[in-house]
Amino acid sequence: MARSNQVLTSRQVADICNVASRTIQKWFDTGLLPGYRMPGSHTRRIPATDLVNFLNKYNMPIPQNLIQHAAQHASKQTAANPPRARKAASTARKTNIVSLPPKSRRHKKTTATQKNI
């Protein structure tokens, strides 16, 4: 049974979504997948409830244990927060996704004089 504050590593999320862990890192870094970084390291943590919301949003299959976890967490949230507070909190969490310009090539073209040296 899942704990109410269950968090998953990017590798665990990659296994659930059937994608590479690098894909999860990119989704996280661009803001598609909410979560947080562990202080003092590069590791990412994704709360299970945020993962369920992400999977629902993008019509991806949800494992049964995550569905049970989300239902338990939602019932606790409803009891703890009135509907207005939940709406304001969810609105505050939304972020704008900005597309990044393509990276320029970092290759230097070698000239004929450089090749001979």
Protein backbone atom coordinates (compact mmCIF):
# COMPACT_ATOMS: atom_id res chain seq x y z
CA MET A 1 0.00 0.00 0.00
CA ALA A 2 1.33 3.44 -0.92
CA ARG A 3 2.13 6.04 1.69
CA SER A 4 0.28 9.37 1.46
CA ASN A 5 3.55 11.22 0.80
CA GLN A 6 5.05 8.72 -1.64
CA VAL A 7 7.66 10.15 -3.99
CA LEU A 8 9.29 8.42 -6.92
CA THR A 9 12.71 8.73 -8.50
CA SER A 10 13.05 9.62 -12.17
CA ARG A 11 14.10 6.01 -12.86
CA GLN A 12 10.93 4.64 -11.21
CA VAL A 13 8.79 7.09 -13.19
CA ALA A 14 10.61 6.06 -16.39
CA ASP A 15 9.76 2.41 -15.72
CA ILE A 16 6.10 3.30 -15.12
CA CYS A 17 5.88 5.39 -18.31
CA ASN A 18 7.95 2.96 -20.42
CA VAL A 19 10.39 5.68 -21.48
CA ALA A 20 14.08 6.37 -20.88
CA SER A 21 15.09 8.10 -17.65
CA ARG A 22 16.56 10.92 -19.77
CA THR A 23 13.05 11.56 -21.15
CA ILE A 24 11.75 11.97 -17.60
CA GLN A 25 14.59 14.38 -16.85
CA LYS A 26 13.66 16.46 -19.91
CA TRP A 27 9.96 16.48 -18.97
CA PHE A 28 10.94 17.57 -15.46
CA ASP A 29 13.37 20.28 -16.62
CA THR A 30 10.86 21.77 -19.09
CA GLY A 31 8.10 21.84 -16.47
CA LEU A 32 5.84 19.19 -18.00
CA LEU A 33 6.32 16.88 -15.02
CA PRO A 34 6.15 18.59 -11.60
CA GLY A 35 8.47 17.62 -8.80
CA TYR A 36 11.55 18.79 -6.94
CA ARG A 37 15.29 18.23 -6.75
CA MET A 38 16.95 16.79 -3.69
CA PRO A 39 19.06 19.45 -1.91
CA GLY A 40 22.75 19.13 -2.70
CA SER A 41 22.30 16.68 -5.58
CA HIS A 42 20.99 16.41 -9.10
CA THR A 43 18.43 13.71 -8.34
CA ARG A 44 14.79 14.46 -9.01
CA ARG A 45 11.77 13.37 -7.01
CA ILE A 46 8.24 13.25 -8.38
CA PRO A 47 5.29 12.96 -5.97
CA ALA A 48 2.99 10.09 -6.92
CA THR A 49 -0.09 12.34 -7.03
CA ASP A 50 1.64 14.67 -9.52
CA LEU A 51 2.60 11.65 -11.62
CA VAL A 52 -1.02 10.45 -11.69
CA ASN A 53 -2.17 13.92 -12.79
CA PHE A 54 0.51 13.94 -15.51
CA LEU A 55 -0.49 10.48 -16.75
CA ASN A 56 -4.17 11.52 -16.86
CA LYS A 57 -3.37 14.74 -18.71
CA TYR A 58 -1.43 12.93 -21.44
CA ASN A 59 -3.71 9.84 -21.62
CA MET A 60 -1.04 7.40 -20.48
CA PRO A 61 -1.91 4.16 -18.64
CA ILE A 62 -1.86 4.41 -14.85
CA PRO A 63 -0.70 1.47 -12.71
CA GLN A 64 -3.29 0.20 -10.24
CA ASN A 65 -1.21 1.02 -7.13
CA LEU A 66 -0.93 4.67 -8.23
CA ILE A 67 -4.69 4.87 -8.79
CA GLN A 68 -5.32 3.65 -5.24
CA HIS A 69 -2.77 6.10 -3.89
CA ALA A 70 -4.36 9.04 -5.74
CA ALA A 71 -7.83 8.13 -4.48
CA GLN A 72 -6.63 7.97 -0.87
CA HIS A 73 -4.73 11.23 -1.18
CA ALA A 74 -7.69 13.00 -2.82
CA SER A 75 -10.05 11.99 0.00
CA LYS A 76 -7.57 13.32 2.58
CA GLN A 77 -7.18 16.59 0.64
CA THR A 78 -10.95 17.08 0.38
CA ALA A 79 -11.35 16.65 4.12
CA ALA A 80 -8.43 18.96 4.93
CA ASN A 81 -9.02 21.79 2.41
CA PRO A 82 -12.24 23.55 1.45
CA PRO A 83 -12.89 23.66 -2.33
CA ARG A 84 -11.85 27.31 -2.72
CA ALA A 85 -8.47 26.74 -1.09
CA ARG A 86 -7.80 23.75 -3.35
CA LYS A 87 -8.67 25.78 -6.45
CA ALA A 88 -6.37 28.64 -5.44
CA ALA A 89 -3.56 26.23 -4.60
CA SER A 90 -3.82 24.42 -7.93
CA THR A 91 -3.88 27.73 -9.82
CA ALA A 92 -0.77 28.91 -7.98
CA ARG A 93 1.13 25.73 -8.98
CA LYS A 94 0.55 26.16 -12.71
CA THR A 95 3.61 27.30 -14.60
CA ASN A 96 4.08 28.68 -18.07
CA ILE A 97 6.02 26.40 -20.36
CA VAL A 98 8.49 28.27 -22.49
CA SER A 99 9.98 26.67 -25.56
CA LEU A 100 13.71 27.01 -25.76
CA PRO A 101 15.52 28.04 -28.94
CA PRO A 102 17.52 25.29 -30.62
CA LYS A 103 21.11 24.97 -29.46
CA SER A 104 23.70 26.25 -31.84
CA ARG A 105 26.35 23.88 -33.07
CA ARG A 106 29.45 23.95 -30.99
CA HIS A 107 31.67 22.50 -33.67
CA LYS A 108 34.48 24.59 -35.02
CA LYS A 109 35.20 24.20 -38.65
CA THR A 110 38.84 23.39 -39.13
CA THR A 111 40.71 25.28 -41.78
CA ALA A 112 43.41 23.85 -43.99
CA THR A 113 46.15 25.58 -41.97
CA GLN A 114 44.90 24.05 -38.71
CA LYS A 115 44.97 20.56 -40.17
CA ASN A 116 48.61 20.90 -41.21
CA ILE A 117 49.86 22.03 -37.80
